[in-house]
Amino acid sequence: MADGFTLPFATWQVTLDGEDLTPALDPRLLSASVTRKREDEADQLEITVHDADGRFAIPKPGRLLDLAMGWERGTGVPLGLVRMGTFKVDEARWGGPPDRITIRARSADFTDAFRIRQERGFVGQTVSAVLGKLAADNGLTPAIDAALGAKTIPALGPGAKSDAALLRALGKRFDAVATVKNGSLIFMPIGSGKSPGGATLTRETIDRTATGSVEYERVERENYGGVVAVWHDKTTGERKQVQAGGSGDSQARPKRIRKVFANEADARQHAEAEDTRISRTRAKATIALPLGRPELYPERPITLTGFKPEIDAHDWIVGEITDTMDGTGGLQSRLVLEAKG
């Protein structure tokens, strides 16, 4: 410590089926990395430890790891552990020299039953009714945005699909966060700035001086003038179309969805979702933070300062975050940001 400055030092806590493994793993830790995603994909954990003495036992598949990480001390960093979740061990690798063991695990919220195909069919039901059924069948608590939950789905199915696939399909239909986290089935608009419970998410400001490498990309190839979806009118036998968006550049052609939908409501829902997605992905940024921020998470609103004026002007949200800790007390974060349309 000099002039009141304390060098940041990270710490962690990991349990295996409820047993605290931190004291045993600390001397062996090479890296621990957690990737948290907004979409329906499971969060991922990877831990690599050295096995120079050959005495570290490889965890068996299916065992549960609970992880928290954060800053133990340091000037200018938020102190305290942040719980990252519970993960089920599904892969392990041993190699060398030097001998090391890598353990990979995925979020335990995505159970095997959630991914098993079964015959389901929903006709004329609301989003809340459909997702409430999926949540109840999988022992989950529904956390559904009220406006999205009130929307009616003309038809979903039939055919053998897993509950995970149905959730993914609904997320795409409404351009929504559609995932399972900490025992809750979450369905809410992407970039809403709200938590599943409706609370406003705190906006975080990141200045260029706090970053390492930065990559910014503007995607002009998707500068469409709205989205057109075609549907089949059974009464007249004709194909008709609906359009979402397109109030901007009059010279830009609308994007056409290839699929022909069974009714106007289906077509409109998909067109509106695709138009929202295009607006959201016209710009993205990947930012490395040498001093990690594990308290950040997907969907958190972000303001960037000190970059190019065009970059600072965007309203950003976190799409994905990877936090990586090493055995020397270092903790870094890698953020993938999307610009809201």
Protein backbone atom coordinates (compact mmCIF):
# COMPACT_ATOMS: atom_id res chain seq x y z
CA MET A 1 0.00 0.00 0.00
CA ALA A 2 1.33 3.44 -0.95
CA ASP A 3 -0.43 6.79 -0.58
CA GLY A 4 -3.64 4.98 0.36
CA PHE A 5 -3.59 2.69 -2.70
CA THR A 6 -4.21 -1.04 -2.28
CA LEU A 7 -3.47 -3.40 -5.15
CA PRO A 8 -6.68 -5.23 -6.15
CA PHE A 9 -6.73 -8.92 -5.25
CA ALA A 10 -9.53 -11.29 -6.26
CA THR A 11 -10.97 -14.21 -4.32
CA TRP A 12 -13.53 -16.95 -4.87
CA GLN A 13 -15.55 -19.64 -3.17
CA VAL A 14 -16.49 -22.96 -4.71
CA THR A 15 -18.45 -25.84 -3.23
CA LEU A 16 -18.99 -29.35 -4.59
CA ASP A 17 -22.34 -30.84 -3.56
CA GLY A 18 -22.32 -28.44 -0.60
CA GLU A 19 -18.74 -29.17 0.51
CA ASP A 20 -16.41 -26.13 0.50
CA LEU A 21 -13.53 -26.91 -1.84
CA THR A 22 -11.95 -23.46 -1.79
CA PRO A 23 -9.04 -24.29 0.58
CA ALA A 24 -8.15 -27.36 -1.49
CA LEU A 25 -8.45 -25.60 -4.86
CA ASP A 26 -6.80 -22.27 -4.03
CA PRO A 27 -3.19 -23.55 -4.16
CA ARG A 28 -3.91 -25.37 -7.43
CA LEU A 29 -5.94 -22.77 -9.31
CA LEU A 30 -4.72 -21.81 -12.78
CA SER A 31 -7.95 -20.22 -14.01
CA ALA A 32 -11.68 -20.13 -13.34
CA SER A 33 -13.94 -18.69 -16.02
CA VAL A 34 -17.71 -18.14 -16.05
CA THR A 35 -19.64 -17.11 -19.18
CA ARG A 36 -23.14 -15.77 -18.58
CA LYS A 37 -25.47 -15.43 -21.54
CA ARG A 38 -28.81 -13.77 -22.15
CA GLU A 39 -30.22 -16.37 -24.52
CA ASP A 40 -31.57 -19.81 -23.71
CA GLU A 41 -28.08 -21.32 -23.68
CA ALA A 42 -26.85 -22.48 -20.29
CA ASP A 43 -24.21 -20.44 -18.47
CA GLN A 44 -20.82 -22.14 -18.61
CA LEU A 45 -18.10 -22.69 -16.01
CA GLU A 46 -14.54 -23.84 -16.68
CA ILE A 47 -11.98 -24.45 -13.91
CA THR A 48 -8.38 -25.47 -14.61
CA VAL A 49 -6.12 -26.65 -11.77
CA HIS A 50 -2.62 -28.09 -11.73
CA ASP A 51 -2.16 -31.74 -10.77
CA ALA A 52 1.62 -31.85 -10.40
CA ASP A 53 1.39 -34.20 -7.40
CA GLY A 54 -1.27 -36.40 -9.04
CA ARG A 55 -3.48 -36.16 -5.97
CA PHE A 56 -6.41 -34.15 -7.31
CA ALA A 57 -9.47 -36.33 -7.97
CA ILE A 58 -11.44 -35.62 -11.15
CA PRO A 59 -15.06 -34.77 -10.21
CA LYS A 60 -17.60 -37.25 -11.52
CA PRO A 61 -20.25 -36.14 -14.04
CA GLY A 62 -23.47 -34.76 -12.58
CA ARG A 63 -21.98 -33.33 -9.40
CA LEU A 64 -22.98 -29.76 -8.53
CA LEU A 65 -20.53 -26.88 -8.26
CA ASP A 66 -21.63 -23.60 -6.69
CA LEU A 67 -19.36 -20.65 -7.46
CA ALA A 68 -18.89 -17.08 -6.26
CA MET A 69 -16.07 -14.69 -7.16
CA GLY A 70 -15.15 -11.09 -6.57
CA TRP A 71 -12.62 -8.69 -5.11
CA GLU A 72 -11.22 -9.36 -1.63
CA ARG A 73 -9.40 -6.03 -1.44
CA GLY A 74 -8.21 -3.21 -3.64
CA THR A 75 -8.60 0.47 -4.45
CA GLY A 76 -11.23 1.39 -7.02
CA VAL A 77 -12.93 -2.02 -7.25
CA PRO A 78 -16.24 -3.19 -5.72
CA LEU A 79 -15.45 -5.51 -2.81
CA GLY A 80 -17.24 -8.74 -1.96
CA LEU A 81 -18.20 -12.03 -3.57
CA VAL A 82 -20.79 -12.24 -6.34
CA ARG A 83 -22.65 -15.52 -6.68
CA MET A 84 -22.34 -16.89 -10.21
CA GLY A 85 -24.76 -19.79 -9.89
CA THR A 86 -24.89 -23.55 -9.59
CA PHE A 87 -23.34 -25.68 -12.33
CA LYS A 88 -23.53 -29.37 -13.14
CA VAL A 89 -20.24 -31.07 -14.07
CA ASP A 90 -20.49 -32.58 -17.55
CA GLU A 91 -16.90 -32.66 -18.88
CA ALA A 92 -13.43 -33.21 -17.45
CA ARG A 93 -10.02 -33.39 -19.12
CA TRP A 94 -6.61 -34.39 -17.80
CA GLY A 95 -3.37 -33.73 -19.62
CA GLY A 96 0.27 -32.74 -19.32
CA PRO A 97 3.01 -32.15 -18.74
CA PRO A 98 2.64 -30.01 -16.78
CA ASP A 99 -0.22 -32.11 -15.43
CA ARG A 100 -3.48 -30.24 -15.18
CA ILE A 101 -7.20 -30.97 -14.92
CA THR A 102 -9.90 -28.93 -16.63
CA ILE A 103 -13.47 -29.19 -15.38
CA ARG A 104 -16.38 -27.92 -17.47
CA ALA A 105 -19.88 -27.47 -16.12
CA ARG A 106 -23.14 -25.93 -17.28
CA SER A 107 -25.89 -24.14 -15.45
CA ALA A 108 -27.83 -26.68 -13.38
CA ASP A 109 -31.09 -24.87 -14.24
CA PHE A 110 -31.18 -26.59 -17.64
CA THR A 111 -32.17 -30.09 -16.56
CA ASP A 112 -32.18 -33.12 -18.84
CA ALA A 113 -35.99 -33.22 -18.69
CA PHE A 114 -36.12 -29.67 -20.04
CA ARG A 115 -34.38 -30.88 -23.20
CA ILE A 116 -36.36 -34.08 -23.82
CA ARG A 117 -38.71 -33.95 -26.81
CA GLN A 118 -42.39 -34.48 -26.20
CA GLU A 119 -45.65 -33.87 -28.01
CA ARG A 120 -47.19 -30.54 -27.01
CA GLY A 121 -49.64 -28.28 -28.76
CA PHE A 122 -50.93 -24.84 -27.81
CA VAL A 123 -53.68 -23.09 -29.77
CA GLY A 124 -55.06 -19.62 -29.01
CA GLN A 125 -53.33 -19.38 -25.64
CA THR A 126 -51.47 -16.47 -24.10
CA VAL A 127 -47.73 -16.41 -23.62
CA SER A 128 -48.27 -16.50 -19.85
CA ALA A 129 -50.41 -19.64 -20.11
CA VAL A 130 -47.88 -21.46 -22.28
CA LEU A 131 -44.84 -20.51 -20.23
CA GLY A 132 -46.71 -21.10 -16.98
CA LYS A 133 -47.29 -24.68 -18.10
CA LEU A 134 -43.62 -25.16 -19.00
CA ALA A 135 -42.52 -23.67 -15.68
CA ALA A 136 -44.89 -25.85 -13.64
CA ASP A 137 -43.81 -29.03 -15.45
CA ASN A 138 -40.15 -28.29 -14.71
CA GLY A 139 -40.44 -27.02 -11.14
CA LEU A 140 -39.59 -23.44 -12.12
CA THR A 141 -40.96 -20.08 -11.02
CA PRO A 142 -42.35 -18.06 -13.96
CA ALA A 143 -41.00 -14.50 -14.27
CA ILE A 144 -42.87 -13.17 -17.31
CA ASP A 145 -43.20 -9.59 -18.51
CA ALA A 146 -46.86 -8.57 -18.20
CA ALA A 147 -47.14 -7.04 -21.68
CA LEU A 148 -45.51 -10.01 -23.40
CA GLY A 149 -47.43 -12.46 -21.24
CA ALA A 150 -50.75 -11.01 -22.41
CA LYS A 151 -50.02 -11.65 -26.08
CA THR A 152 -51.99 -14.46 -27.71
CA ILE A 153 -50.26 -17.14 -29.75
CA PRO A 154 -52.49 -18.42 -32.59
CA ALA A 155 -50.71 -21.78 -32.63
CA LEU A 156 -47.49 -23.27 -31.27
CA GLY A 157 -46.64 -26.79 -32.37
CA PRO A 158 -47.64 -29.50 -33.07
CA GLY A 159 -44.71 -31.87 -33.29
CA ALA A 160 -42.20 -33.31 -30.84
CA LYS A 161 -40.21 -30.47 -29.30
CA SER A 162 -38.40 -30.09 -26.01
CA ASP A 163 -39.50 -27.45 -23.54
CA ALA A 164 -36.16 -25.75 -24.19
CA ALA A 165 -36.96 -25.60 -27.91
CA LEU A 166 -40.43 -24.16 -27.24
CA LEU A 167 -38.92 -21.50 -24.99
CA ARG A 168 -36.36 -20.69 -27.69
CA ALA A 169 -39.08 -20.42 -30.34
CA LEU A 170 -41.11 -18.00 -28.23
CA GLY A 171 -38.02 -15.91 -27.53
CA LYS A 172 -37.37 -15.59 -31.25
CA ARG A 173 -41.03 -14.85 -32.02
CA PHE A 174 -41.06 -11.85 -29.64
CA ASP A 175 -37.32 -10.95 -29.61
CA ALA A 176 -37.36 -11.62 -25.89
CA VAL A 177 -35.00 -12.81 -23.19
CA ALA A 178 -36.14 -16.43 -22.90
CA THR A 179 -34.05 -18.38 -20.44
CA VAL A 180 -33.86 -20.14 -17.07
CA LYS A 181 -31.81 -18.58 -14.27
CA ASN A 182 -31.66 -19.48 -10.58
CA GLY A 183 -34.84 -21.54 -10.68
CA SER A 184 -36.89 -18.98 -12.62
CA LEU A 185 -38.20 -19.18 -16.18
CA ILE A 186 -37.56 -15.64 -17.45
CA PHE A 187 -39.36 -14.08 -20.42
CA MET A 188 -39.02 -10.35 -20.98
CA PRO A 189 -38.24 -7.85 -23.77
CA ILE A 190 -34.57 -7.58 -24.67
CA GLY A 191 -33.19 -4.22 -23.61
CA SER A 192 -36.19 -3.31 -21.47
CA GLY A 193 -33.96 -2.03 -18.67
CA LYS A 194 -36.10 -3.96 -16.18
CA SER A 195 -35.51 -6.99 -13.99
CA PRO A 196 -37.89 -9.98 -14.26
CA GLY A 197 -39.68 -8.54 -11.23
CA GLY A 198 -40.17 -5.16 -12.93
CA ALA A 199 -37.50 -3.20 -11.05
CA THR A 200 -35.42 -0.72 -13.04
CA LEU A 201 -31.88 -1.98 -13.66
CA THR A 202 -29.10 0.36 -12.58
CA ARG A 203 -27.21 1.87 -15.51
CA GLU A 204 -23.44 1.41 -15.36
CA THR A 205 -20.96 3.85 -16.94
CA ILE A 206 -17.69 2.50 -18.34
CA ASP A 207 -14.97 4.97 -19.35
CA ARG A 208 -12.28 4.21 -21.90
CA THR A 209 -9.61 4.59 -19.18
CA ALA A 210 -10.99 1.51 -17.41
CA THR A 211 -10.76 -0.74 -20.47
CA GLY A 212 -8.10 -2.82 -22.16
CA SER A 213 -8.76 -3.95 -25.71
CA VAL A 214 -11.89 -2.64 -27.46
CA GLU A 215 -13.58 -3.67 -30.70
CA TYR A 216 -16.51 -1.76 -32.21
CA GLU A 217 -18.46 -2.83 -35.28
CA ARG A 218 -21.24 -1.11 -37.19
CA VAL A 219 -23.18 -3.50 -39.43
CA GLU A 220 -24.49 -1.62 -42.45
CA ARG A 221 -25.39 -4.78 -44.37
CA GLU A 222 -28.51 -5.12 -42.20
CA ASN A 223 -29.70 -1.57 -42.80
CA TYR A 224 -33.11 -2.78 -43.92
CA GLY A 225 -36.21 -0.66 -44.40
CA GLY A 226 -38.34 -2.78 -42.10
CA VAL A 227 -39.33 -6.43 -42.31
CA VAL A 228 -41.96 -8.10 -44.47
CA ALA A 229 -43.64 -11.40 -43.55
CA VAL A 230 -46.00 -13.35 -45.83
CA TRP A 231 -49.06 -15.29 -44.64
CA HIS A 232 -51.57 -17.57 -46.35
CA ASP A 233 -55.19 -16.42 -46.27
CA LYS A 234 -57.21 -19.66 -46.20
CA THR A 235 -60.44 -17.79 -46.96
CA THR A 236 -59.28 -16.35 -50.27
CA GLY A 237 -56.41 -18.75 -51.00
CA GLU A 238 -54.12 -15.75 -51.50
CA ARG A 239 -50.77 -14.91 -50.02
CA LYS A 240 -50.75 -11.60 -48.19
CA GLN A 241 -48.04 -9.70 -46.37
CA VAL A 242 -47.50 -7.48 -43.35
CA GLN A 243 -44.64 -5.08 -42.71
CA ALA A 244 -43.00 -3.97 -39.48
CA GLY A 245 -40.75 -0.93 -39.25
CA GLY A 246 -39.39 0.85 -42.27
CA SER A 247 -40.08 4.42 -41.24
CA GLY A 248 -36.44 5.44 -41.66
CA ASP A 249 -34.43 5.41 -44.88
CA SER A 250 -36.97 5.31 -47.71
CA GLN A 251 -34.30 3.94 -50.06
CA ALA A 252 -33.62 0.86 -47.93
CA ARG A 253 -35.38 -2.32 -48.99
CA PRO A 254 -37.31 -4.29 -46.38
CA LYS A 255 -36.04 -7.68 -45.33
CA ARG A 256 -38.35 -10.54 -46.31
CA ILE A 257 -38.80 -13.54 -44.02
CA ARG A 258 -38.73 -16.68 -46.14
CA LYS A 259 -41.26 -18.69 -44.19
CA VAL A 260 -44.94 -18.40 -45.14
CA PHE A 261 -47.07 -18.16 -41.99
CA ALA A 262 -50.48 -19.69 -41.39
CA ASN A 263 -52.21 -16.47 -40.37
CA GLU A 264 -51.74 -12.71 -40.13
CA ALA A 265 -51.11 -12.67 -36.37
CA ASP A 266 -48.23 -15.14 -36.67
CA ALA A 267 -46.72 -13.17 -39.55
CA ARG A 268 -46.97 -9.85 -37.71
CA GLN A 269 -45.42 -11.18 -34.50
CA HIS A 270 -42.42 -12.58 -36.36
CA ALA A 271 -41.99 -9.44 -38.49
CA GLU A 272 -42.04 -7.16 -35.46
CA ALA A 273 -39.52 -9.34 -33.60
CA GLU A 274 -37.14 -9.48 -36.56
CA ASP A 275 -37.34 -5.71 -37.06
CA THR A 276 -36.47 -5.19 -33.39
CA ARG A 277 -33.57 -7.64 -33.61
CA ILE A 278 -32.12 -5.90 -36.68
CA SER A 279 -32.27 -2.53 -34.94
CA ARG A 280 -30.53 -4.00 -31.90
CA THR A 281 -27.67 -5.62 -33.81
CA ARG A 282 -26.67 -2.74 -36.08
CA ALA A 283 -23.77 -2.01 -33.74
CA LYS A 284 -21.86 -4.08 -31.21
CA ALA A 285 -18.79 -3.68 -29.06
CA THR A 286 -16.51 -6.12 -27.26
CA ILE A 287 -14.68 -4.63 -24.29
CA ALA A 288 -12.05 -6.13 -21.99
CA LEU A 289 -11.90 -4.87 -18.41
CA PRO A 290 -8.52 -5.62 -16.78
CA LEU A 291 -10.17 -5.02 -13.40
CA GLY A 292 -13.12 -7.38 -13.65
CA ARG A 293 -16.72 -6.47 -12.85
CA PRO A 294 -18.47 -9.73 -11.88
CA GLU A 295 -21.45 -7.77 -10.52
CA LEU A 296 -22.43 -6.89 -14.11
CA TYR A 297 -24.76 -9.30 -15.93
CA PRO A 298 -26.63 -9.74 -19.24
CA GLU A 299 -29.28 -7.08 -19.98
CA ARG A 300 -27.60 -4.49 -17.73
CA PRO A 301 -27.78 -1.05 -19.44
CA ILE A 302 -24.37 0.48 -20.13
CA THR A 303 -23.17 3.99 -21.00
CA LEU A 304 -19.75 4.26 -22.66
CA THR A 305 -17.66 7.42 -22.34
CA GLY A 306 -14.30 8.53 -23.72
CA PHE A 307 -14.56 6.50 -26.94
CA LYS A 308 -15.46 7.81 -30.40
CA PRO A 309 -18.51 10.14 -30.38
CA GLU A 310 -20.47 7.60 -32.45
CA ILE A 311 -19.74 4.87 -29.90
CA ASP A 312 -20.58 7.00 -26.87
CA ALA A 313 -23.89 8.03 -28.46
CA HIS A 314 -25.29 4.48 -28.46
CA ASP A 315 -27.52 3.11 -25.72
CA TRP A 316 -25.79 -0.17 -24.86
CA ILE A 317 -26.90 -3.37 -23.13
CA VAL A 318 -24.82 -6.36 -22.01
CA GLY A 319 -25.43 -9.36 -24.26
CA GLU A 320 -22.83 -11.65 -22.73
CA ILE A 321 -20.14 -11.44 -20.05
CA THR A 322 -17.18 -13.69 -19.26
CA ASP A 323 -15.37 -13.30 -15.93
CA THR A 324 -11.97 -14.98 -15.60
CA MET A 325 -9.96 -15.31 -12.39
CA ASP A 326 -6.41 -16.67 -12.13
CA GLY A 327 -4.30 -18.11 -9.35
CA THR A 328 -2.41 -14.85 -8.78
CA GLY A 329 -5.44 -12.83 -7.66
CA GLY A 330 -6.25 -11.34 -11.04
CA LEU A 331 -9.84 -10.98 -12.26
CA GLN A 332 -10.83 -9.78 -15.72
CA SER A 333 -14.14 -9.35 -17.53
CA ARG A 334 -15.01 -9.46 -21.21
CA LEU A 335 -18.26 -7.75 -22.17
CA VAL A 336 -20.15 -8.20 -25.43
CA LEU A 337 -22.42 -5.17 -25.84
CA GLU A 338 -25.31 -4.54 -28.23
CA ALA A 339 -26.66 -1.13 -29.20
CA LYS A 340 -30.38 -0.70 -28.66
CA GLY A 341 -32.29 0.40 -31.74
